[in-house]
Amino acid sequence: MFVPEDFAVPAEHSNDRLRLRMLSVADAQKDYEAVVETRIRLRKSSHHGWPREGFTLDENIADLEIHEREFNNREAFAYTVASLDESRVLGCVYINPGDVQHDAVVRLWVRDSEQRILAFLMTTVQAWVADVWPFTSVRFENIG
């Protein structure tokens, strides 16, 4: 089990600059725009060449369905990073089961036009995970 049964998985986390909340199919269009804008950097860090050249909105919807199902089944937790007014997706945070040395691996990215918030997002997520999540050893990765 990735997280204990009695752990209340946070639906969201926000501060005065951004909001993290469960990534869902309802985010498909805004998420797709962020992915397409950042596709070259994301592809460089992907083991599977994601997102592929010609990546479509329908493929993004299928990916978001998987993330939403994993979240609901408590297998992995994908969060959209949204502007406070919800007008834009700024990036994503993925909290996944760890490896031999870590309880969890947290991977995050921000869209090309939002690189100025990357350090702030990383610091925010590191503090949030340390304060709220039930992990003792976490690896953090910037994937784009």
N, C-alpha and C. Protein backbone atom coordinates (compact mmCIF):
# COMPACT_ATOMS: atom_id res chain seq x y z
N MET A 1 0.85 -1.18 0.00
CA MET A 1 0.00 0.00 0.00
C MET A 1 0.90 1.25 0.00
N PHE A 2 0.59 2.18 -0.89
CA PHE A 2 1.42 3.37 -1.04
C PHE A 2 1.27 4.32 0.16
N VAL A 3 0.03 4.61 0.55
CA VAL A 3 -0.21 5.43 1.73
C VAL A 3 -1.14 4.65 2.66
N PRO A 4 -1.03 4.87 3.97
CA PRO A 4 -1.88 4.15 4.91
C PRO A 4 -3.37 4.40 4.65
N GLU A 5 -4.17 3.42 4.96
CA GLU A 5 -5.62 3.53 4.75
C GLU A 5 -6.23 4.72 5.48
N ASP A 6 -5.69 5.04 6.65
CA ASP A 6 -6.26 6.12 7.44
C ASP A 6 -5.69 7.50 7.08
N PHE A 7 -4.80 7.56 6.10
CA PHE A 7 -4.25 8.85 5.68
C PHE A 7 -5.25 9.58 4.79
N ALA A 8 -5.59 10.79 5.16
CA ALA A 8 -6.51 11.62 4.38
C ALA A 8 -5.71 12.31 3.28
N VAL A 9 -5.83 11.81 2.07
CA VAL A 9 -5.09 12.37 0.94
C VAL A 9 -5.59 13.79 0.68
N PRO A 10 -4.70 14.75 0.66
CA PRO A 10 -5.13 16.14 0.42
C PRO A 10 -5.73 16.32 -0.97
N ALA A 11 -6.86 16.96 -1.02
CA ALA A 11 -7.48 17.28 -2.32
C ALA A 11 -6.78 18.45 -2.97
N GLU A 12 -6.24 19.34 -2.13
CA GLU A 12 -5.54 20.50 -2.69
C GLU A 12 -4.59 21.10 -1.67
N HIS A 13 -3.76 21.99 -2.17
CA HIS A 13 -2.85 22.78 -1.35
C HIS A 13 -2.65 24.10 -2.10
N SER A 14 -2.77 25.20 -1.39
CA SER A 14 -2.59 26.48 -2.07
C SER A 14 -1.85 27.46 -1.18
N ASN A 15 -1.33 28.48 -1.83
CA ASN A 15 -0.68 29.59 -1.13
C ASN A 15 -1.04 30.85 -1.89
N ASP A 16 -0.32 31.93 -1.67
CA ASP A 16 -0.68 33.20 -2.30
C ASP A 16 -0.27 33.31 -3.76
N ARG A 17 0.36 32.24 -4.32
CA ARG A 17 0.82 32.31 -5.71
C ARG A 17 0.24 31.23 -6.63
N LEU A 18 -0.15 30.09 -6.04
CA LEU A 18 -0.62 28.99 -6.89
C LEU A 18 -1.47 28.01 -6.10
N ARG A 19 -2.14 27.15 -6.83
CA ARG A 19 -2.99 26.14 -6.22
C ARG A 19 -2.63 24.78 -6.81
N LEU A 20 -2.44 23.80 -5.94
CA LEU A 20 -2.28 22.41 -6.36
C LEU A 20 -3.59 21.71 -6.01
N ARG A 21 -4.14 20.99 -6.97
CA ARG A 21 -5.35 20.21 -6.70
C ARG A 21 -5.34 18.99 -7.60
N MET A 22 -6.15 18.01 -7.23
CA MET A 22 -6.17 16.76 -7.98
C MET A 22 -6.34 17.03 -9.47
N LEU A 23 -5.46 16.43 -10.26
CA LEU A 23 -5.55 16.53 -11.71
C LEU A 23 -6.69 15.64 -12.18
N SER A 24 -7.59 16.18 -12.98
CA SER A 24 -8.73 15.41 -13.43
C SER A 24 -9.02 15.66 -14.91
N VAL A 25 -9.90 14.87 -15.44
CA VAL A 25 -10.28 14.99 -16.85
C VAL A 25 -10.87 16.37 -17.12
N ALA A 26 -11.45 16.98 -16.11
CA ALA A 26 -12.01 18.32 -16.29
C ALA A 26 -10.94 19.35 -16.65
N ASP A 27 -9.67 19.02 -16.39
CA ASP A 27 -8.56 19.91 -16.70
C ASP A 27 -7.99 19.69 -18.09
N ALA A 28 -8.59 18.83 -18.88
CA ALA A 28 -7.98 18.34 -20.12
C ALA A 28 -7.49 19.44 -21.05
N GLN A 29 -8.30 20.40 -21.37
CA GLN A 29 -7.91 21.43 -22.33
C GLN A 29 -6.77 22.29 -21.81
N LYS A 30 -6.89 22.79 -20.59
CA LYS A 30 -5.84 23.66 -20.02
C LYS A 30 -4.56 22.86 -19.80
N ASP A 31 -4.68 21.62 -19.37
CA ASP A 31 -3.50 20.77 -19.18
C ASP A 31 -2.83 20.50 -20.52
N TYR A 32 -3.63 20.22 -21.52
CA TYR A 32 -3.10 19.95 -22.86
C TYR A 32 -2.29 21.14 -23.38
N GLU A 33 -2.81 22.34 -23.18
CA GLU A 33 -2.09 23.54 -23.61
C GLU A 33 -0.73 23.64 -22.92
N ALA A 34 -0.69 23.33 -21.62
CA ALA A 34 0.57 23.38 -20.88
C ALA A 34 1.53 22.29 -21.36
N VAL A 35 1.02 21.09 -21.59
CA VAL A 35 1.86 19.98 -22.06
C VAL A 35 2.44 20.30 -23.43
N VAL A 36 1.62 20.78 -24.34
CA VAL A 36 2.09 21.06 -25.70
C VAL A 36 3.13 22.18 -25.67
N GLU A 37 2.91 23.19 -24.85
CA GLU A 37 3.89 24.28 -24.75
C GLU A 37 5.24 23.76 -24.26
N THR A 38 5.22 22.73 -23.42
CA THR A 38 6.42 22.27 -22.73
C THR A 38 6.90 20.92 -23.28
N ARG A 39 6.35 20.48 -24.37
CA ARG A 39 6.58 19.12 -24.88
C ARG A 39 8.04 18.77 -25.10
N ILE A 40 8.86 19.70 -25.56
CA ILE A 40 10.25 19.38 -25.86
C ILE A 40 11.01 19.06 -24.56
N ARG A 41 10.85 19.89 -23.54
CA ARG A 41 11.51 19.62 -22.26
C ARG A 41 10.96 18.36 -21.61
N LEU A 42 9.65 18.15 -21.67
CA LEU A 42 9.06 16.96 -21.09
C LEU A 42 9.56 15.69 -21.79
N ARG A 43 9.65 15.75 -23.08
CA ARG A 43 10.10 14.59 -23.86
C ARG A 43 11.54 14.22 -23.50
N LYS A 44 12.38 15.21 -23.24
CA LYS A 44 13.77 14.95 -22.88
C LYS A 44 13.90 14.18 -21.57
N SER A 45 12.97 14.38 -20.65
CA SER A 45 13.06 13.72 -19.35
C SER A 45 12.23 12.44 -19.27
N SER A 46 11.48 12.14 -20.31
CA SER A 46 10.61 10.96 -20.32
C SER A 46 11.36 9.72 -20.78
N HIS A 47 11.08 8.61 -20.11
CA HIS A 47 11.66 7.33 -20.51
C HIS A 47 10.93 6.76 -21.72
N HIS A 48 9.75 7.29 -22.02
CA HIS A 48 8.91 6.77 -23.10
C HIS A 48 8.67 7.77 -24.22
N GLY A 49 9.39 8.89 -24.21
CA GLY A 49 9.22 9.89 -25.26
C GLY A 49 7.90 10.64 -25.17
N TRP A 50 7.36 10.77 -23.95
CA TRP A 50 6.09 11.47 -23.76
C TRP A 50 6.34 12.96 -23.59
N PRO A 51 5.52 13.78 -24.16
CA PRO A 51 4.45 13.47 -25.11
C PRO A 51 5.02 13.31 -26.52
N ARG A 52 4.51 12.35 -27.21
CA ARG A 52 5.02 12.06 -28.55
C ARG A 52 4.74 13.23 -29.49
N GLU A 53 5.49 13.30 -30.57
CA GLU A 53 5.22 14.30 -31.61
C GLU A 53 3.81 14.06 -32.12
N GLY A 54 3.01 15.09 -32.22
CA GLY A 54 1.63 14.95 -32.67
C GLY A 54 0.65 14.58 -31.57
N PHE A 55 1.09 14.65 -30.31
CA PHE A 55 0.26 14.35 -29.15
C PHE A 55 -1.08 15.09 -29.27
N THR A 56 -2.18 14.40 -29.04
CA THR A 56 -3.51 14.98 -29.24
C THR A 56 -4.24 15.21 -27.93
N LEU A 57 -5.28 16.02 -28.00
CA LEU A 57 -6.12 16.26 -26.84
C LEU A 57 -6.76 14.95 -26.37
N ASP A 58 -7.18 14.10 -27.29
CA ASP A 58 -7.76 12.81 -26.90
C ASP A 58 -6.76 11.95 -26.13
N GLU A 59 -5.50 11.97 -26.54
CA GLU A 59 -4.46 11.23 -25.80
C GLU A 59 -4.27 11.83 -24.41
N ASN A 60 -4.35 13.14 -24.31
CA ASN A 60 -4.22 13.78 -23.01
C ASN A 60 -5.39 13.39 -22.10
N ILE A 61 -6.59 13.36 -22.66
CA ILE A 61 -7.76 12.94 -21.89
C ILE A 61 -7.55 11.52 -21.36
N ALA A 62 -7.05 10.62 -22.19
CA ALA A 62 -6.79 9.24 -21.76
C ALA A 62 -5.76 9.22 -20.62
N ASP A 63 -4.71 10.04 -20.73
CA ASP A 63 -3.71 10.11 -19.66
C ASP A 63 -4.34 10.62 -18.36
N LEU A 64 -5.17 11.64 -18.47
CA LEU A 64 -5.79 12.21 -17.28
C LEU A 64 -6.76 11.23 -16.63
N GLU A 65 -7.43 10.42 -17.43
CA GLU A 65 -8.30 9.37 -16.89
C GLU A 65 -7.49 8.40 -16.03
N ILE A 66 -6.31 8.05 -16.50
CA ILE A 66 -5.43 7.15 -15.73
C ILE A 66 -5.00 7.82 -14.43
N HIS A 67 -4.55 9.08 -14.51
CA HIS A 67 -4.13 9.79 -13.30
C HIS A 67 -5.28 9.90 -12.30
N GLU A 68 -6.47 10.20 -12.78
CA GLU A 68 -7.62 10.33 -11.90
C GLU A 68 -7.96 8.99 -11.24
N ARG A 69 -7.92 7.92 -12.00
CA ARG A 69 -8.19 6.58 -11.46
C ARG A 69 -7.14 6.20 -10.41
N GLU A 70 -5.85 6.46 -10.71
CA GLU A 70 -4.80 6.15 -9.74
C GLU A 70 -4.99 6.94 -8.45
N PHE A 71 -5.37 8.19 -8.58
CA PHE A 71 -5.60 9.03 -7.40
C PHE A 71 -6.74 8.45 -6.57
N ASN A 72 -7.85 8.16 -7.21
CA ASN A 72 -9.01 7.63 -6.50
C ASN A 72 -8.74 6.27 -5.88
N ASN A 73 -7.85 5.49 -6.48
CA ASN A 73 -7.48 4.18 -5.94
C ASN A 73 -6.30 4.25 -4.97
N ARG A 74 -5.78 5.48 -4.75
CA ARG A 74 -4.69 5.73 -3.81
C ARG A 74 -3.40 5.03 -4.22
N GLU A 75 -3.19 4.91 -5.52
CA GLU A 75 -2.00 4.26 -6.07
C GLU A 75 -0.89 5.26 -6.39
N ALA A 76 -1.27 6.45 -6.81
CA ALA A 76 -0.37 7.55 -7.17
C ALA A 76 -1.23 8.80 -7.18
N PHE A 77 -0.57 9.95 -7.04
CA PHE A 77 -1.34 11.19 -6.87
C PHE A 77 -0.80 12.28 -7.79
N ALA A 78 -1.60 12.64 -8.77
CA ALA A 78 -1.23 13.69 -9.72
C ALA A 78 -2.01 14.95 -9.37
N TYR A 79 -1.28 16.05 -9.28
CA TYR A 79 -1.88 17.35 -8.98
C TYR A 79 -1.59 18.31 -10.10
N THR A 80 -2.62 19.05 -10.50
CA THR A 80 -2.39 20.14 -11.43
C THR A 80 -1.89 21.33 -10.61
N VAL A 81 -1.01 22.10 -11.20
CA VAL A 81 -0.56 23.35 -10.60
C VAL A 81 -1.29 24.43 -11.38
N ALA A 82 -2.21 25.10 -10.73
CA ALA A 82 -3.06 26.08 -11.39
C ALA A 82 -2.81 27.47 -10.84
N SER A 83 -3.09 28.47 -11.67
CA SER A 83 -3.08 29.84 -11.18
C SER A 83 -4.22 29.97 -10.17
N LEU A 84 -4.13 30.93 -9.29
CA LEU A 84 -5.14 31.07 -8.25
C LEU A 84 -6.54 31.29 -8.81
N ASP A 85 -6.63 31.96 -9.95
CA ASP A 85 -7.95 32.19 -10.54
C ASP A 85 -8.39 31.04 -11.44
N GLU A 86 -7.57 29.97 -11.50
CA GLU A 86 -7.87 28.76 -12.28
C GLU A 86 -7.91 29.00 -13.80
N SER A 87 -7.39 30.13 -14.24
CA SER A 87 -7.43 30.43 -15.67
C SER A 87 -6.38 29.66 -16.47
N ARG A 88 -5.30 29.22 -15.79
CA ARG A 88 -4.21 28.53 -16.48
C ARG A 88 -3.68 27.37 -15.66
N VAL A 89 -3.30 26.33 -16.37
CA VAL A 89 -2.50 25.27 -15.76
C VAL A 89 -1.05 25.69 -15.92
N LEU A 90 -0.34 25.72 -14.80
CA LEU A 90 1.06 26.16 -14.79
C LEU A 90 2.02 24.98 -14.87
N GLY A 91 1.56 23.80 -14.50
CA GLY A 91 2.40 22.60 -14.50
C GLY A 91 1.71 21.47 -13.78
N CYS A 92 2.49 20.49 -13.36
CA CYS A 92 1.95 19.33 -12.64
C CYS A 92 2.94 18.84 -11.60
N VAL A 93 2.38 18.16 -10.59
CA VAL A 93 3.16 17.49 -9.56
C VAL A 93 2.62 16.06 -9.48
N TYR A 94 3.55 15.10 -9.51
CA TYR A 94 3.19 13.68 -9.44
C TYR A 94 3.83 13.09 -8.19
N ILE A 95 3.03 12.53 -7.32
CA ILE A 95 3.52 11.85 -6.13
C ILE A 95 3.32 10.36 -6.37
N ASN A 96 4.43 9.66 -6.58
CA ASN A 96 4.39 8.25 -6.98
C ASN A 96 5.09 7.36 -5.96
N PRO A 97 4.75 6.08 -5.98
CA PRO A 97 5.48 5.15 -5.11
C PRO A 97 6.97 5.24 -5.37
N GLY A 98 7.73 5.02 -4.32
CA GLY A 98 9.17 5.19 -4.40
C GLY A 98 9.91 4.01 -4.98
N ASP A 99 11.19 4.06 -4.76
CA ASP A 99 12.10 3.00 -5.21
C ASP A 99 12.67 2.32 -3.97
N VAL A 100 13.73 1.59 -4.14
CA VAL A 100 14.32 0.85 -3.02
C VAL A 100 14.73 1.78 -1.87
N GLN A 101 15.18 2.98 -2.18
CA GLN A 101 15.70 3.89 -1.16
C GLN A 101 14.71 4.95 -0.69
N HIS A 102 13.55 5.06 -1.35
CA HIS A 102 12.63 6.14 -1.03
C HIS A 102 11.19 5.63 -0.90
N ASP A 103 10.44 6.24 0.02
CA ASP A 103 9.01 5.92 0.16
C ASP A 103 8.22 6.44 -1.04
N ALA A 104 8.66 7.58 -1.56
CA ALA A 104 7.94 8.21 -2.66
C ALA A 104 8.92 8.95 -3.56
N VAL A 105 8.48 9.12 -4.80
CA VAL A 105 9.21 9.95 -5.76
C VAL A 105 8.23 11.04 -6.19
N VAL A 106 8.65 12.27 -6.03
CA VAL A 106 7.83 13.41 -6.42
C VAL A 106 8.48 14.05 -7.62
N ARG A 107 7.72 14.07 -8.71
CA ARG A 107 8.21 14.65 -9.96
C ARG A 107 7.33 15.85 -10.29
N LEU A 108 7.93 16.91 -10.77
CA LEU A 108 7.14 18.09 -11.11
C LEU A 108 7.70 18.79 -12.33
N TRP A 109 6.83 19.57 -12.96
CA TRP A 109 7.24 20.39 -14.09
C TRP A 109 6.35 21.62 -14.14
N VAL A 110 6.88 22.67 -14.77
CA VAL A 110 6.11 23.87 -15.05
C VAL A 110 6.24 24.18 -16.54
N ARG A 111 5.23 24.80 -17.08
CA ARG A 111 5.24 25.11 -18.51
C ARG A 111 6.35 26.11 -18.82
N ASP A 112 6.76 26.12 -20.06
CA ASP A 112 7.89 26.96 -20.48
C ASP A 112 7.72 28.42 -20.07
N SER A 113 6.52 28.94 -20.22
CA SER A 113 6.29 30.36 -19.92
C SER A 113 6.21 30.65 -18.42
N GLU A 114 6.30 29.62 -17.58
CA GLU A 114 6.21 29.80 -16.13
C GLU A 114 7.48 29.37 -15.40
N GLN A 115 8.59 29.26 -16.09
CA GLN A 115 9.84 28.80 -15.47
C GLN A 115 10.24 29.63 -14.26
N ARG A 116 9.81 30.87 -14.21
CA ARG A 116 10.18 31.74 -13.09
C ARG A 116 9.62 31.23 -11.76
N ILE A 117 8.60 30.36 -11.78
CA ILE A 117 8.03 29.85 -10.53
C ILE A 117 8.59 28.49 -10.13
N LEU A 118 9.49 27.93 -10.92
CA LEU A 118 9.97 26.57 -10.67
C LEU A 118 10.58 26.40 -9.28
N ALA A 119 11.48 27.26 -8.89
CA ALA A 119 12.12 27.14 -7.57
C ALA A 119 11.08 27.29 -6.46
N PHE A 120 10.15 28.24 -6.63
CA PHE A 120 9.10 28.44 -5.64
C PHE A 120 8.23 27.19 -5.55
N LEU A 121 7.86 26.61 -6.68
CA LEU A 121 7.04 25.40 -6.67
C LEU A 121 7.78 24.26 -5.97
N MET A 122 9.05 24.06 -6.30
CA MET A 122 9.81 22.98 -5.67
C MET A 122 9.85 23.16 -4.16
N THR A 123 10.14 24.36 -3.69
CA THR A 123 10.18 24.64 -2.25
C THR A 123 8.81 24.41 -1.61
N THR A 124 7.76 24.86 -2.28
CA THR A 124 6.40 24.67 -1.79
C THR A 124 6.07 23.20 -1.65
N VAL A 125 6.37 22.43 -2.68
CA VAL A 125 6.04 21.00 -2.68
C VAL A 125 6.88 20.25 -1.65
N GLN A 126 8.14 20.57 -1.53
CA GLN A 126 8.98 19.91 -0.53
C GLN A 126 8.44 20.15 0.88
N ALA A 127 8.06 21.37 1.18
CA ALA A 127 7.52 21.68 2.51
C ALA A 127 6.18 20.98 2.73
N TRP A 128 5.32 20.99 1.73
CA TRP A 128 4.00 20.36 1.82
C TRP A 128 4.13 18.86 2.06
N VAL A 129 4.99 18.22 1.30
CA VAL A 129 5.19 16.77 1.47
C VAL A 129 5.75 16.47 2.85
N ALA A 130 6.71 17.25 3.31
CA ALA A 130 7.29 17.03 4.63
C ALA A 130 6.28 17.24 5.75
N ASP A 131 5.41 18.23 5.59
CA ASP A 131 4.44 18.58 6.64
C ASP A 131 3.20 17.69 6.67
N VAL A 132 2.77 17.20 5.51
CA VAL A 132 1.45 16.58 5.41
C VAL A 132 1.49 15.09 5.07
N TRP A 133 2.39 14.71 4.23
CA TRP A 133 2.38 13.34 3.70
C TRP A 133 3.11 12.38 4.64
N PRO A 134 2.76 11.09 4.62
CA PRO A 134 3.31 10.13 5.58
C PRO A 134 4.60 9.44 5.14
N PHE A 135 5.49 10.19 4.52
CA PHE A 135 6.72 9.60 3.99
C PHE A 135 7.91 10.03 4.84
N THR A 136 8.89 9.15 4.93
CA THR A 136 10.12 9.49 5.66
C THR A 136 11.28 9.77 4.71
N SER A 137 11.20 9.23 3.50
CA SER A 137 12.28 9.42 2.53
C SER A 137 11.66 9.68 1.15
N VAL A 138 11.93 10.85 0.61
CA VAL A 138 11.33 11.25 -0.66
C VAL A 138 12.41 11.76 -1.61
N ARG A 139 12.33 11.34 -2.85
CA ARG A 139 13.21 11.88 -3.90
C ARG A 139 12.38 12.86 -4.71
N PHE A 140 12.91 14.06 -4.95
CA PHE A 140 12.24 15.09 -5.73
C PHE A 140 12.97 15.27 -7.05
N GLU A 141 12.19 15.37 -8.13
CA GLU A 141 12.77 15.53 -9.46
C GLU A 141 12.04 16.62 -10.21
N ASN A 142 12.81 17.49 -10.84
CA ASN A 142 12.27 18.44 -11.80
C ASN A 142 12.33 17.75 -13.16
N ILE A 143 11.19 17.49 -13.77
CA ILE A 143 11.17 16.77 -15.05
C ILE A 143 10.88 17.71 -16.22
N GLY A 144 10.89 18.95 -16.01
CA GLY A 144 10.63 19.87 -17.10
C GLY A 144 10.43 21.23 -16.57
